[in-house]
Amino acid sequence: MQETKTELLEEEVRLKEELANFTVILGAGKKNMTSYATTFPDFGDKSGENASEVASFNNNVSLKSLLEAELKDVEGALKRIANGTYGICKYCHKPIEEQRIKARPTSSSCVVCKKSFSK
């Protein structure tokens, strides 16, 4: 468990550092999760530079969404470790399979429940 917690803490730091490269923190959002806003890059005033800024901004908006979702999952897993519910399915309350936890340490549901809710 301690090894998993250490990995999750390292991943949390990595995700926050990556987000810091092109976002600003807005503050606490839903469920006290940190909310980020994508900053608009400034490459210059020439038309080619302006087009690059728009393309870069669009890419960063998508990347921000992905990183925020990953960060939410990591922070959720850390909360479950802290409150003693890590490794327990949030739906059926049975232990999550060890292989699933190893493959995806942020899992909050077992394979059976995940499949039933994915349909």
PDB file of N, CA and C in Angstrom:
ATOM      1  N   MET A   1       0.836  -1.201   0.000  1.00  0.00           N
ATOM      2  CA  MET A   1       0.000   0.000   0.000  1.00  0.00           C
ATOM      3  C   MET A   1       0.878   1.262   0.000  1.00  0.00           C
ATOM      4  N   GLN A   2       1.950   1.247   0.784  1.00  0.00           N
ATOM      5  CA  GLN A   2       2.823   2.423   0.861  1.00  0.00           C
ATOM      6  C   GLN A   2       3.481   2.716  -0.489  1.00  0.00           C
ATOM      7  N   GLU A   3       3.849   1.662  -1.204  1.00  0.00           N
ATOM      8  CA  GLU A   3       4.449   1.835  -2.528  1.00  0.00           C
ATOM      9  C   GLU A   3       3.457   2.484  -3.487  1.00  0.00           C
ATOM     10  N   THR A   4       2.219   2.028  -3.444  1.00  0.00           N
ATOM     11  CA  THR A   4       1.175   2.608  -4.294  1.00  0.00           C
ATOM     12  C   THR A   4       0.942   4.065  -3.927  1.00  0.00           C
ATOM     13  N   LYS A   5       0.899   4.356  -2.639  1.00  0.00           N
ATOM     14  CA  LYS A   5       0.692   5.732  -2.191  1.00  0.00           C
ATOM     15  C   LYS A   5       1.826   6.627  -2.682  1.00  0.00           C
ATOM     16  N   THR A   6       3.046   6.142  -2.590  1.00  0.00           N
ATOM     17  CA  THR A   6       4.202   6.910  -3.057  1.00  0.00           C
ATOM     18  C   THR A   6       4.102   7.178  -4.555  1.00  0.00           C
ATOM     19  N   GLU A   7       3.729   6.155  -5.318  1.00  0.00           N
ATOM     20  CA  GLU A   7       3.569   6.323  -6.768  1.00  0.00           C
ATOM     21  C   GLU A   7       2.480   7.340  -7.085  1.00  0.00           C
ATOM     22  N   LEU A   8       1.380   7.276  -6.348  1.00  0.00           N
ATOM     23  CA  LEU A   8       0.275   8.210  -6.584  1.00  0.00           C
ATOM     24  C   LEU A   8       0.692   9.640  -6.231  1.00  0.00           C
ATOM     25  N   LEU A   9       1.438   9.807  -5.145  1.00  0.00           N
ATOM     26  CA  LEU A   9       1.910  11.145  -4.769  1.00  0.00           C
ATOM     27  C   LEU A   9       2.864  11.704  -5.820  1.00  0.00           C
ATOM     28  N   GLU A  10       3.727  10.857  -6.356  1.00  0.00           N
ATOM     29  CA  GLU A  10       4.630  11.285  -7.424  1.00  0.00           C
ATOM     30  C   GLU A  10       3.858  11.670  -8.683  1.00  0.00           C
ATOM     31  N   GLU A  11       2.836  10.896  -8.996  1.00  0.00           N
ATOM     32  CA  GLU A  11       2.007  11.194 -10.166  1.00  0.00           C
ATOM     33  C   GLU A  11       1.248  12.503  -9.958  1.00  0.00           C
ATOM     34  N   GLU A  12       0.776  12.747  -8.752  1.00  0.00           N
ATOM     35  CA  GLU A  12       0.080  13.996  -8.446  1.00  0.00           C
ATOM     36  C   GLU A  12       1.006  15.191  -8.689  1.00  0.00           C
ATOM     37  N   VAL A  13       2.242  15.103  -8.232  1.00  0.00           N
ATOM     38  CA  VAL A  13       3.212  16.176  -8.433  1.00  0.00           C
ATOM     39  C   VAL A  13       3.474  16.371  -9.926  1.00  0.00           C
ATOM     40  N   ARG A  14       3.674  15.280 -10.663  1.00  0.00           N
ATOM     41  CA  ARG A  14       3.946  15.362 -12.095  1.00  0.00           C
ATOM     42  C   ARG A  14       2.810  16.043 -12.845  1.00  0.00           C
ATOM     43  N   LEU A  15       1.572  15.640 -12.523  1.00  0.00           N
ATOM     44  CA  LEU A  15       0.417  16.224 -13.202  1.00  0.00           C
ATOM     45  C   LEU A  15       0.287  17.714 -12.895  1.00  0.00           C
ATOM     46  N   LYS A  16       0.499  18.093 -11.645  1.00  0.00           N
ATOM     47  CA  LYS A  16       0.408  19.511 -11.279  1.00  0.00           C
ATOM     48  C   LYS A  16       1.500  20.328 -11.958  1.00  0.00           C
ATOM     49  N   GLU A  17       2.705  19.752 -12.057  1.00  0.00           N
ATOM     50  CA  GLU A  17       3.791  20.454 -12.738  1.00  0.00           C
ATOM     51  C   GLU A  17       3.482  20.620 -14.224  1.00  0.00           C
ATOM     52  N   GLU A  18       2.946  19.579 -14.832  1.00  0.00           N
ATOM     53  CA  GLU A  18       2.605  19.656 -16.249  1.00  0.00           C
ATOM     54  C   GLU A  18       1.503  20.697 -16.486  1.00  0.00           C
ATOM     55  N   LEU A  19       0.506  20.706 -15.633  1.00  0.00           N
ATOM     56  CA  LEU A  19      -0.562  21.704 -15.756  1.00  0.00           C
ATOM     57  C   LEU A  19      -0.023  23.121 -15.570  1.00  0.00           C
ATOM     58  N   ALA A  20       0.951  23.280 -14.695  1.00  0.00           N
ATOM     59  CA  ALA A  20       1.515  24.605 -14.425  1.00  0.00           C
ATOM     60  C   ALA A  20       2.219  25.192 -15.646  1.00  0.00           C
ATOM     61  N   ASN A  21       2.583  24.349 -16.612  1.00  0.00           N
ATOM     62  CA  ASN A  21       3.268  24.830 -17.809  1.00  0.00           C
ATOM     63  C   ASN A  21       2.389  25.669 -18.725  1.00  0.00           C
ATOM     64  N   PHE A  22       1.073  25.498 -18.646  1.00  0.00           N
ATOM     65  CA  PHE A  22       0.209  26.226 -19.587  1.00  0.00           C
ATOM     66  C   PHE A  22      -1.147  26.593 -18.994  1.00  0.00           C
ATOM     67  N   THR A  23      -1.268  26.543 -17.670  1.00  0.00           N
ATOM     68  CA  THR A  23      -2.523  26.932 -17.029  1.00  0.00           C
ATOM     69  C   THR A  23      -2.236  27.826 -15.822  1.00  0.00           C
ATOM     70  N   VAL A  24      -3.302  28.423 -15.319  1.00  0.00           N
ATOM     71  CA  VAL A  24      -3.256  29.123 -14.034  1.00  0.00           C
ATOM     72  C   VAL A  24      -4.323  28.502 -13.147  1.00  0.00           C
ATOM     73  N   ILE A  25      -4.058  28.521 -11.855  1.00  0.00           N
ATOM     74  CA  ILE A  25      -5.015  27.959 -10.904  1.00  0.00           C
ATOM     75  C   ILE A  25      -6.105  28.986 -10.634  1.00  0.00           C
ATOM     76  N   LEU A  26      -7.354  28.548 -10.786  1.00  0.00           N
ATOM     77  CA  LEU A  26      -8.497  29.423 -10.526  1.00  0.00           C
ATOM     78  C   LEU A  26      -8.933  29.340  -9.070  1.00  0.00           C
ATOM     79  N   GLY A  27      -8.687  28.210  -8.440  1.00  0.00           N
ATOM     80  CA  GLY A  27      -9.117  27.994  -7.056  1.00  0.00           C
ATOM     81  C   GLY A  27      -9.839  26.676  -6.955  1.00  0.00           C
ATOM     82  N   ALA A  28     -10.517  26.496  -5.834  1.00  0.00           N
ATOM     83  CA  ALA A  28     -11.233  25.242  -5.605  1.00  0.00           C
ATOM     84  C   ALA A  28     -12.523  25.240  -6.406  1.00  0.00           C
ATOM     85  N   GLY A  29     -12.726  24.138  -7.114  1.00  0.00           N
ATOM     86  CA  GLY A  29     -13.943  23.973  -7.897  1.00  0.00           C
ATOM     87  C   GLY A  29     -14.828  22.942  -7.248  1.00  0.00           C
ATOM     88  N   LYS A  30     -15.461  22.117  -8.095  1.00  0.00           N
ATOM     89  CA  LYS A  30     -16.351  21.076  -7.610  1.00  0.00           C
ATOM     90  C   LYS A  30     -15.617  20.134  -6.661  1.00  0.00           C
ATOM     91  N   LYS A  31     -16.270  19.792  -5.573  1.00  0.00           N
ATOM     92  CA  LYS A  31     -15.743  18.841  -4.591  1.00  0.00           C
ATOM     93  C   LYS A  31     -14.355  19.230  -4.093  1.00  0.00           C
ATOM     94  N   ASN A  32     -14.110  20.551  -3.990  1.00  0.00           N
ATOM     95  CA  ASN A  32     -12.835  21.086  -3.512  1.00  0.00           C
ATOM     96  C   ASN A  32     -11.636  20.705  -4.368  1.00  0.00           C
ATOM     97  N   MET A  33     -11.869  20.308  -5.610  1.00  0.00           N
ATOM     98  CA  MET A  33     -10.776  19.992  -6.521  1.00  0.00           C
ATOM     99  C   MET A  33     -10.276  21.312  -7.117  1.00  0.00           C
ATOM    100  N   THR A  34      -8.978  21.421  -7.295  1.00  0.00           N
ATOM    101  CA  THR A  34      -8.398  22.617  -7.877  1.00  0.00           C
ATOM    102  C   THR A  34      -8.874  22.766  -9.315  1.00  0.00           C
ATOM    103  N   SER A  35      -9.243  23.980  -9.666  1.00  0.00           N
ATOM    104  CA  SER A  35      -9.719  24.269 -11.013  1.00  0.00           C
ATOM    105  C   SER A  35      -8.645  25.068 -11.751  1.00  0.00           C
ATOM    106  N   TYR A  36      -8.420  24.725 -13.015  1.00  0.00           N
ATOM    107  CA  TYR A  36      -7.379  25.351 -13.821  1.00  0.00           C
ATOM    108  C   TYR A  36      -7.975  26.041 -15.042  1.00  0.00           C
ATOM    109  N   ALA A  37      -7.306  27.102 -15.487  1.00  0.00           N
ATOM    110  CA  ALA A  37      -7.684  27.791 -16.727  1.00  0.00           C
ATOM    111  C   ALA A  37      -6.485  27.775 -17.663  1.00  0.00           C
ATOM    112  N   THR A  38      -6.727  27.464 -18.916  1.00  0.00           N
ATOM    113  CA  THR A  38      -5.667  27.433 -19.910  1.00  0.00           C
ATOM    114  C   THR A  38      -5.268  28.857 -20.273  1.00  0.00           C
ATOM    115  N   THR A  39      -3.970  29.126 -20.265  1.00  0.00           N
ATOM    116  CA  THR A  39      -3.483  30.449 -20.660  1.00  0.00           C
ATOM    117  C   THR A  39      -3.296  30.491 -22.171  1.00  0.00           C
ATOM    118  N   PHE A  40      -3.437  31.676 -22.716  1.00  0.00           N
ATOM    119  CA  PHE A  40      -3.274  31.844 -24.163  1.00  0.00           C
ATOM    120  C   PHE A  40      -1.806  32.155 -24.439  1.00  0.00           C
ATOM    121  N   PRO A  41      -1.150  31.370 -25.286  1.00  0.00           N
ATOM    122  CA  PRO A  41       0.275  31.591 -25.550  1.00  0.00           C
ATOM    123  C   PRO A  41       0.506  32.871 -26.354  1.00  0.00           C
ATOM    124  N   ASP A  42       1.707  33.411 -26.246  1.00  0.00           N
ATOM    125  CA  ASP A  42       2.074  34.612 -26.996  1.00  0.00           C
ATOM    126  C   ASP A  42       3.362  34.328 -27.756  1.00  0.00           C
ATOM    127  N   PHE A  43       3.220  34.034 -29.053  1.00  0.00           N
ATOM    128  CA  PHE A  43       4.380  33.739 -29.884  1.00  0.00           C
ATOM    129  C   PHE A  43       4.827  34.957 -30.689  1.00  0.00           C
ATOM    130  N   GLY A  44       4.029  35.996 -30.718  1.00  0.00           N
ATOM    131  CA  GLY A  44       4.360  37.195 -31.489  1.00  0.00           C
ATOM    132  C   GLY A  44       3.127  37.758 -32.169  1.00  0.00           C
ATOM    133  N   ASP A  45       3.356  38.767 -33.023  1.00  0.00           N
ATOM    134  CA  ASP A  45       2.233  39.469 -33.653  1.00  0.00           C
ATOM    135  C   ASP A  45       2.047  39.166 -35.139  1.00  0.00           C
ATOM    136  N   LYS A  46       2.918  38.370 -35.710  1.00  0.00           N
ATOM    137  CA  LYS A  46       2.782  38.042 -37.135  1.00  0.00           C
ATOM    138  C   LYS A  46       1.649  37.045 -37.323  1.00  0.00           C
ATOM    139  N   SER A  47       1.061  37.033 -38.535  1.00  0.00           N
ATOM    140  CA  SER A  47      -0.108  36.186 -38.762  1.00  0.00           C
ATOM    141  C   SER A  47       0.204  34.704 -38.540  1.00  0.00           C
ATOM    142  N   GLY A  48       1.369  34.238 -38.955  1.00  0.00           N
ATOM    143  CA  GLY A  48       1.744  32.846 -38.732  1.00  0.00           C
ATOM    144  C   GLY A  48       1.869  32.531 -37.248  1.00  0.00           C
ATOM    145  N   GLU A  49       2.393  33.496 -36.503  1.00  0.00           N
ATOM    146  CA  GLU A  49       2.530  33.320 -35.050  1.00  0.00           C
ATOM    147  C   GLU A  49       1.158  33.300 -34.385  1.00  0.00           C
ATOM    148  N   ASN A  50       0.254  34.145 -34.882  1.00  0.00           N
ATOM    149  CA  ASN A  50      -1.106  34.167 -34.329  1.00  0.00           C
ATOM    150  C   ASN A  50      -1.822  32.849 -34.576  1.00  0.00           C
ATOM    151  N   ALA A  51      -1.646  32.292 -35.761  1.00  0.00           N
ATOM    152  CA  ALA A  51      -2.264  30.999 -36.076  1.00  0.00           C
ATOM    153  C   ALA A  51      -1.685  29.912 -35.176  1.00  0.00           C
ATOM    154  N   SER A  52      -0.391  29.974 -34.933  1.00  0.00           N
ATOM    155  CA  SER A  52       0.250  29.003 -34.043  1.00  0.00           C
ATOM    156  C   SER A  52      -0.268  29.140 -32.617  1.00  0.00           C
ATOM    157  N   GLU A  53      -0.518  30.375 -32.197  1.00  0.00           N
ATOM    158  CA  GLU A  53      -1.058  30.603 -30.852  1.00  0.00           C
ATOM    159  C   GLU A  53      -2.426  29.941 -30.699  1.00  0.00           C
ATOM    160  N   VAL A  54      -3.268  30.128 -31.701  1.00  0.00           N
ATOM    161  CA  VAL A  54      -4.615  29.549 -31.652  1.00  0.00           C
ATOM    162  C   VAL A  54      -4.538  28.030 -31.645  1.00  0.00           C
ATOM    163  N   ALA A  55      -3.696  27.458 -32.493  1.00  0.00           N
ATOM    164  CA  ALA A  55      -3.551  26.002 -32.544  1.00  0.00           C
ATOM    165  C   ALA A  55      -3.011  25.462 -31.226  1.00  0.00           C
ATOM    166  N   SER A  56      -2.015  26.138 -30.688  1.00  0.00           N
ATOM    167  CA  SER A  56      -1.430  25.713 -29.415  1.00  0.00           C
ATOM    168  C   SER A  56      -2.456  25.808 -28.292  1.00  0.00           C
ATOM    169  N   PHE A  57      -3.222  26.896 -28.271  1.00  0.00           N
ATOM    170  CA  PHE A  57      -4.252  27.069 -27.238  1.00  0.00           C
ATOM    171  C   PHE A  57      -5.283  25.952 -27.325  1.00  0.00           C
ATOM    172  N   ASN A  58      -5.747  25.642 -28.520  1.00  0.00           N
ATOM    173  CA  ASN A  58      -6.739  24.566 -28.691  1.00  0.00           C
ATOM    174  C   ASN A  58      -6.200  23.228 -28.199  1.00  0.00           C
ATOM    175  N   ASN A  59      -4.946  22.934 -28.533  1.00  0.00           N
ATOM    176  CA  ASN A  59      -4.321  21.702 -28.047  1.00  0.00           C
ATOM    177  C   ASN A  59      -4.222  21.692 -26.529  1.00  0.00           C
ATOM    178  N   ASN A  60      -3.853  22.834 -25.960  1.00  0.00           N
ATOM    179  CA  ASN A  60      -3.700  22.924 -24.507  1.00  0.00           C
ATOM    180  C   ASN A  60      -5.028  22.792 -23.772  1.00  0.00           C
ATOM    181  N   VAL A  61      -6.099  23.276 -24.367  1.00  0.00           N
ATOM    182  CA  VAL A  61      -7.425  23.130 -23.748  1.00  0.00           C
ATOM    183  C   VAL A  61      -7.776  21.644 -23.625  1.00  0.00           C
ATOM    184  N   SER A  62      -7.528  20.899 -24.689  1.00  0.00           N
ATOM    185  CA  SER A  62      -7.794  19.457 -24.654  1.00  0.00           C
ATOM    186  C   SER A  62      -6.886  18.749 -23.658  1.00  0.00           C
ATOM    187  N   LEU A  63      -5.609  19.099 -23.678  1.00  0.00           N
ATOM    188  CA  LEU A  63      -4.649  18.486 -22.759  1.00  0.00           C
ATOM    189  C   LEU A  63      -4.993  18.804 -21.307  1.00  0.00           C
ATOM    190  N   LYS A  64      -5.438  20.024 -21.052  1.00  0.00           N
ATOM    191  CA  LYS A  64      -5.826  20.422 -19.694  1.00  0.00           C
ATOM    192  C   LYS A  64      -6.954  19.536 -19.183  1.00  0.00           C
ATOM    193  N   SER A  65      -7.925  19.281 -20.019  1.00  0.00           N
ATOM    194  CA  SER A  65      -9.051  18.433 -19.615  1.00  0.00           C
ATOM    195  C   SER A  65      -8.581  17.028 -19.248  1.00  0.00           C
ATOM    196  N   LEU A  66      -7.697  16.475 -20.064  1.00  0.00           N
ATOM    197  CA  LEU A  66      -7.174  15.134 -19.788  1.00  0.00           C
ATOM    198  C   LEU A  66      -6.365  15.099 -18.491  1.00  0.00           C
ATOM    199  N   LEU A  67      -5.481  16.086 -18.320  1.00  0.00           N
ATOM    200  CA  LEU A  67      -4.646  16.120 -17.118  1.00  0.00           C
ATOM    201  C   LEU A  67      -5.475  16.357 -15.862  1.00  0.00           C
ATOM    202  N   GLU A  68      -6.477  17.218 -15.964  1.00  0.00           N
ATOM    203  CA  GLU A  68      -7.361  17.452 -14.810  1.00  0.00           C
ATOM    204  C   GLU A  68      -8.102  16.177 -14.425  1.00  0.00           C
ATOM    205  N   ALA A  69      -8.564  15.426 -15.404  1.00  0.00           N
ATOM    206  CA  ALA A  69      -9.271  14.177 -15.120  1.00  0.00           C
ATOM    207  C   ALA A  69      -8.333  13.175 -14.453  1.00  0.00           C
ATOM    208  N   GLU A  70      -7.092  13.078 -14.950  1.00  0.00           N
ATOM    209  CA  GLU A  70      -6.116  12.188 -14.333  1.00  0.00           C
ATOM    210  C   GLU A  70      -5.818  12.623 -12.910  1.00  0.00           C
ATOM    211  N   LEU A  71      -5.655  13.926 -12.704  1.00  0.00           N
ATOM    212  CA  LEU A  71      -5.368  14.455 -11.373  1.00  0.00           C
ATOM    213  C   LEU A  71      -6.523  14.176 -10.416  1.00  0.00           C
ATOM    214  N   LYS A  72      -7.739  14.335 -10.899  1.00  0.00           N
ATOM    215  CA  LYS A  72      -8.921  14.044 -10.080  1.00  0.00           C
ATOM    216  C   LYS A  72      -8.897  12.574  -9.639  1.00  0.00           C
ATOM    217  N   ASP A  73      -8.568  11.672 -10.572  1.00  0.00           N
ATOM    218  CA  ASP A  73      -8.496  10.246 -10.244  1.00  0.00           C
ATOM    219  C   ASP A  73      -7.410   9.965  -9.204  1.00  0.00           C
ATOM    220  N   VAL A  74      -6.243  10.579  -9.382  1.00  0.00           N
ATOM    221  CA  VAL A  74      -5.131  10.378  -8.452  1.00  0.00           C
ATOM    222  C   VAL A  74      -5.501  10.903  -7.069  1.00  0.00           C
ATOM    223  N   GLU A  75      -6.059  12.106  -7.009  1.00  0.00           N
ATOM    224  CA  GLU A  75      -6.432  12.691  -5.719  1.00  0.00           C
ATOM    225  C   GLU A  75      -7.545  11.880  -5.051  1.00  0.00           C
ATOM    226  N   GLY A  76      -8.446  11.335  -5.847  1.00  0.00           N
ATOM    227  CA  GLY A  76      -9.488  10.471  -5.302  1.00  0.00           C
ATOM    228  C   GLY A  76      -8.910   9.206  -4.696  1.00  0.00           C
ATOM    229  N   ALA A  77      -7.939   8.612  -5.383  1.00  0.00           N
ATOM    230  CA  ALA A  77      -7.287   7.397  -4.868  1.00  0.00           C
ATOM    231  C   ALA A  77      -6.551   7.707  -3.562  1.00  0.00           C
ATOM    232  N   LEU A  78      -5.882   8.849  -3.503  1.00  0.00           N
ATOM    233  CA  LEU A  78      -5.177   9.232  -2.273  1.00  0.00           C
ATOM    234  C   LEU A  78      -6.157   9.447  -1.118  1.00  0.00           C
ATOM    235  N   LYS A  79      -7.316  10.011  -1.412  1.00  0.00           N
ATOM    236  CA  LYS A  79      -8.343  10.176  -0.365  1.00  0.00           C
ATOM    237  C   LYS A  79      -8.843   8.826   0.116  1.00  0.00           C
ATOM    238  N   ARG A  80      -9.022   7.887  -0.817  1.00  0.00           N
ATOM    239  CA  ARG A  80      -9.480   6.552  -0.423  1.00  0.00           C
ATOM    240  C   ARG A  80      -8.431   5.838   0.426  1.00  0.00           C
ATOM    241  N   ILE A  81      -7.160   6.053   0.121  1.00  0.00           N
ATOM    242  CA  ILE A  81      -6.101   5.484   0.959  1.00  0.00           C
ATOM    243  C   ILE A  81      -6.196   6.078   2.359  1.00  0.00           C
ATOM    244  N   ALA A  82      -6.367   7.385   2.430  1.00  0.00           N
ATOM    245  CA  ALA A  82      -6.421   8.076   3.726  1.00  0.00           C
ATOM    246  C   ALA A  82      -7.612   7.634   4.569  1.00  0.00           C
ATOM    247  N   ASN A  83      -8.746   7.373   3.924  1.00  0.00           N
ATOM    248  CA  ASN A  83      -9.929   7.012   4.718  1.00  0.00           C
ATOM    249  C   ASN A  83     -10.164   5.504   4.809  1.00  0.00           C
ATOM    250  N   GLY A  84      -9.221   4.720   4.274  1.00  0.00           N
ATOM    251  CA  GLY A  84      -9.292   3.271   4.435  1.00  0.00           C
ATOM    252  C   GLY A  84     -10.205   2.542   3.475  1.00  0.00           C
ATOM    253  N   THR A  85     -10.632   3.204   2.393  1.00  0.00           N
ATOM    254  CA  THR A  85     -11.523   2.544   1.432  1.00  0.00           C
ATOM    255  C   THR A  85     -10.823   2.214   0.116  1.00  0.00           C
ATOM    256  N   TYR A  86      -9.517   2.422   0.048  1.00  0.00           N
ATOM    257  CA  TYR A  86      -8.779   2.142  -1.180  1.00  0.00           C
ATOM    258  C   TYR A  86      -8.822   0.639  -1.470  1.00  0.00           C
ATOM    259  N   GLY A  87      -9.069   0.304  -2.724  1.00  0.00           N
ATOM    260  CA  GLY A  87      -9.110  -1.095  -3.124  1.00  0.00           C
ATOM    261  C   GLY A  87     -10.468  -1.746  -2.938  1.00  0.00           C
ATOM    262  N   ILE A  88     -11.459  -0.943  -2.539  1.00  0.00           N
ATOM    263  CA  ILE A  88     -12.830  -1.431  -2.359  1.00  0.00           C
ATOM    264  C   ILE A  88     -13.707  -0.769  -3.425  1.00  0.00           C
ATOM    265  N   CYS A  89     -14.469  -1.572  -4.133  1.00  0.00           N
ATOM    266  CA  CYS A  89     -15.346  -1.057  -5.184  1.00  0.00           C
ATOM    267  C   CYS A  89     -16.390  -0.113  -4.591  1.00  0.00           C
ATOM    268  N   LYS A  90     -16.536   1.044  -5.201  1.00  0.00           N
ATOM    269  CA  LYS A  90     -17.501   2.023  -4.693  1.00  0.00           C
ATOM    270  C   LYS A  90     -18.945   1.627  -4.967  1.00  0.00           C
ATOM    271  N   TYR A  91     -19.158   0.631  -5.816  1.00  0.00           N
ATOM    272  CA  TYR A  91     -20.513   0.204  -6.146  1.00  0.00           C
ATOM    273  C   TYR A  91     -20.949  -1.034  -5.365  1.00  0.00           C
ATOM    274  N   CYS A  92     -20.150  -2.082  -5.437  1.00  0.00           N
ATOM    275  CA  CYS A  92     -20.556  -3.344  -4.785  1.00  0.00           C
ATOM    276  C   CYS A  92     -19.872  -3.556  -3.437  1.00  0.00           C
ATOM    277  N   HIS A  93     -18.912  -2.687  -3.117  1.00  0.00           N
ATOM    278  CA  HIS A  93     -18.201  -2.715  -1.834  1.00  0.00           C
ATOM    279  C   HIS A  93     -17.387  -3.988  -1.615  1.00  0.00           C
ATOM    280  N   LYS A  94     -17.034  -4.653  -2.712  1.00  0.00           N
ATOM    281  CA  LYS A  94     -16.159  -5.821  -2.647  1.00  0.00           C
ATOM    282  C   LYS A  94     -14.747  -5.380  -3.025  1.00  0.00           C
ATOM    283  N   PRO A  95     -13.733  -6.171  -2.644  1.00  0.00           N
ATOM    284  CA  PRO A  95     -12.360  -5.807  -3.010  1.00  0.00           C
ATOM    285  C   PRO A  95     -12.174  -5.765  -4.536  1.00  0.00           C
ATOM    286  N   ILE A  96     -11.430  -4.766  -4.987  1.00  0.00           N
ATOM    287  CA  ILE A  96     -11.086  -4.654  -6.403  1.00  0.00           C
ATOM    288  C   ILE A  96      -9.950  -5.639  -6.672  1.00  0.00           C
ATOM    289  N   GLU A  97     -10.020  -6.303  -7.808  1.00  0.00           N
ATOM    290  CA  GLU A  97      -9.022  -7.300  -8.164  1.00  0.00           C
ATOM    291  C   GLU A  97      -7.617  -6.699  -8.143  1.00  0.00           C
ATOM    292  N   GLU A  98      -6.661  -7.474  -7.612  1.00  0.00           N
ATOM    293  CA  GLU A  98      -5.284  -6.999  -7.490  1.00  0.00           C
ATOM    294  C   GLU A  98      -4.685  -6.628  -8.840  1.00  0.00           C
ATOM    295  N   GLN A  99      -4.995  -7.409  -9.866  1.00  0.00           N
ATOM    296  CA  GLN A  99      -4.476  -7.108 -11.210  1.00  0.00           C
ATOM    297  C   GLN A  99      -4.986  -5.761 -11.707  1.00  0.00           C
ATOM    298  N   ARG A 100      -6.246  -5.455 -11.414  1.00  0.00           N
ATOM    299  CA  ARG A 100      -6.817  -4.171 -11.835  1.00  0.00           C
ATOM    300  C   ARG A 100      -6.134  -3.021 -11.098  1.00  0.00           C
ATOM    301  N   ILE A 101      -5.921  -3.194  -9.811  1.00  0.00           N
ATOM    302  CA  ILE A 101      -5.260  -2.145  -9.019  1.00  0.00           C
ATOM    303  C   ILE A 101      -3.828  -1.926  -9.532  1.00  0.00           C
ATOM    304  N   LYS A 102      -3.142  -3.018  -9.852  1.00  0.00           N
ATOM    305  CA  LYS A 102      -1.777  -2.881 -10.366  1.00  0.00           C
ATOM    306  C   LYS A 102      -1.766  -2.185 -11.722  1.00  0.00           C
ATOM    307  N   ALA A 103      -2.730  -2.523 -12.573  1.00  0.00           N
ATOM    308  CA  ALA A 103      -2.803  -1.928 -13.910  1.00  0.00           C
ATOM    309  C   ALA A 103      -3.259  -0.475 -13.864  1.00  0.00           C
ATOM    310  N   ARG A 104      -4.182  -0.184 -12.958  1.00  0.00           N
ATOM    311  CA  ARG A 104      -4.733   1.171 -12.848  1.00  0.00           C
ATOM    312  C   ARG A 104      -4.938   1.496 -11.371  1.00  0.00           C
ATOM    313  N   PRO A 105      -3.886   2.018 -10.711  1.00  0.00           N
ATOM    314  CA  PRO A 105      -3.943   2.281  -9.265  1.00  0.00           C
ATOM    315  C   PRO A 105      -5.046   3.259  -8.842  1.00  0.00           C
ATOM    316  N   THR A 106      -5.596   4.010  -9.783  1.00  0.00           N
ATOM    317  CA  THR A 106      -6.655   4.963  -9.435  1.00  0.00           C
ATOM    318  C   THR A 106      -8.051   4.359  -9.526  1.00  0.00           C
ATOM    319  N   SER A 107      -8.137   3.071  -9.840  1.00  0.00           N
ATOM    320  CA  SER A 107      -9.447   2.421  -9.987  1.00  0.00           C
ATOM    321  C   SER A 107     -10.273   2.552  -8.717  1.00  0.00           C
ATOM    322  N   SER A 108     -11.532   2.874  -8.904  1.00  0.00           N
ATOM    323  CA  SER A 108     -12.449   2.964  -7.770  1.00  0.00           C
ATOM    324  C   SER A 108     -13.569   1.928  -7.880  1.00  0.00           C
ATOM    325  N   SER A 109     -13.513   1.118  -8.957  1.00  0.00           N
ATOM    326  CA  SER A 109     -14.536   0.088  -9.127  1.00  0.00           C
ATOM    327  C   SER A 109     -13.902  -1.204  -9.620  1.00  0.00           C
ATOM    328  N   CYS A 110     -14.557  -2.304  -9.322  1.00  0.00           N
ATOM    329  CA  CYS A 110     -14.085  -3.600  -9.793  1.00  0.00           C
ATOM    330  C   CYS A 110     -14.428  -3.751 -11.279  1.00  0.00           C
ATOM    331  N   VAL A 111     -13.865  -4.758 -11.905  1.00  0.00           N
ATOM    332  CA  VAL A 111     -14.080  -4.980 -13.337  1.00  0.00           C
ATOM    333  C   VAL A 111     -15.549  -5.261 -13.637  1.00  0.00           C
ATOM    334  N   VAL A 112     -16.187  -6.064 -12.809  1.00  0.00           N
ATOM    335  CA  VAL A 112     -17.587  -6.427 -13.051  1.00  0.00           C
ATOM    336  C   VAL A 112     -18.472  -5.181 -13.037  1.00  0.00           C
ATOM    337  N   CYS A 113     -18.302  -4.339 -12.025  1.00  0.00           N
ATOM    338  CA  CYS A 113     -19.117  -3.113 -11.938  1.00  0.00           C
ATOM    339  C   CYS A 113     -18.778  -2.148 -13.054  1.00  0.00           C
ATOM    340  N   LYS A 114     -17.499  -2.011 -13.380  1.00  0.00           N
ATOM    341  CA  LYS A 114     -17.094  -1.108 -14.446  1.00  0.00           C
ATOM    342  C   LYS A 114     -17.724  -1.525 -15.773  1.00  0.00           C
ATOM    343  N   LYS A 115     -17.697  -2.825 -16.049  1.00  0.00           N
ATOM    344  CA  LYS A 115     -18.311  -3.318 -17.294  1.00  0.00           C
ATOM    345  C   LYS A 115     -19.810  -3.071 -17.302  1.00  0.00           C
ATOM    346  N   SER A 116     -20.473  -3.280 -16.177  1.00  0.00           N
ATOM    347  CA  SER A 116     -21.928  -3.106 -16.147  1.00  0.00           C
ATOM    348  C   SER A 116     -22.343  -1.645 -16.300  1.00  0.00           C
ATOM    349  N   PHE A 117     -21.483  -0.707 -15.861  1.00  0.00           N
ATOM    350  CA  PHE A 117     -21.809   0.700 -15.984  1.00  0.00           C
ATOM    351  C   PHE A 117     -21.335   1.292 -17.303  1.00  0.00           C
ATOM    352  N   SER A 118     -20.473   0.575 -18.018  1.00  0.00           N
ATOM    353  CA  SER A 118     -19.938   1.049 -19.293  1.00  0.00           C
ATOM    354  C   SER A 118     -20.892   0.773 -20.459  1.00  0.00           C
ATOM    355  N   LYS A 119     -21.886  -0.038 -20.231  1.00  0.00           N
ATOM    356  CA  LYS A 119     -22.798  -0.399 -21.323  1.00  0.00           C
ATOM    357  C   LYS A 119     -23.812   0.653 -21.592  1.00  0.00           C
TER     358      LYS A 119
END
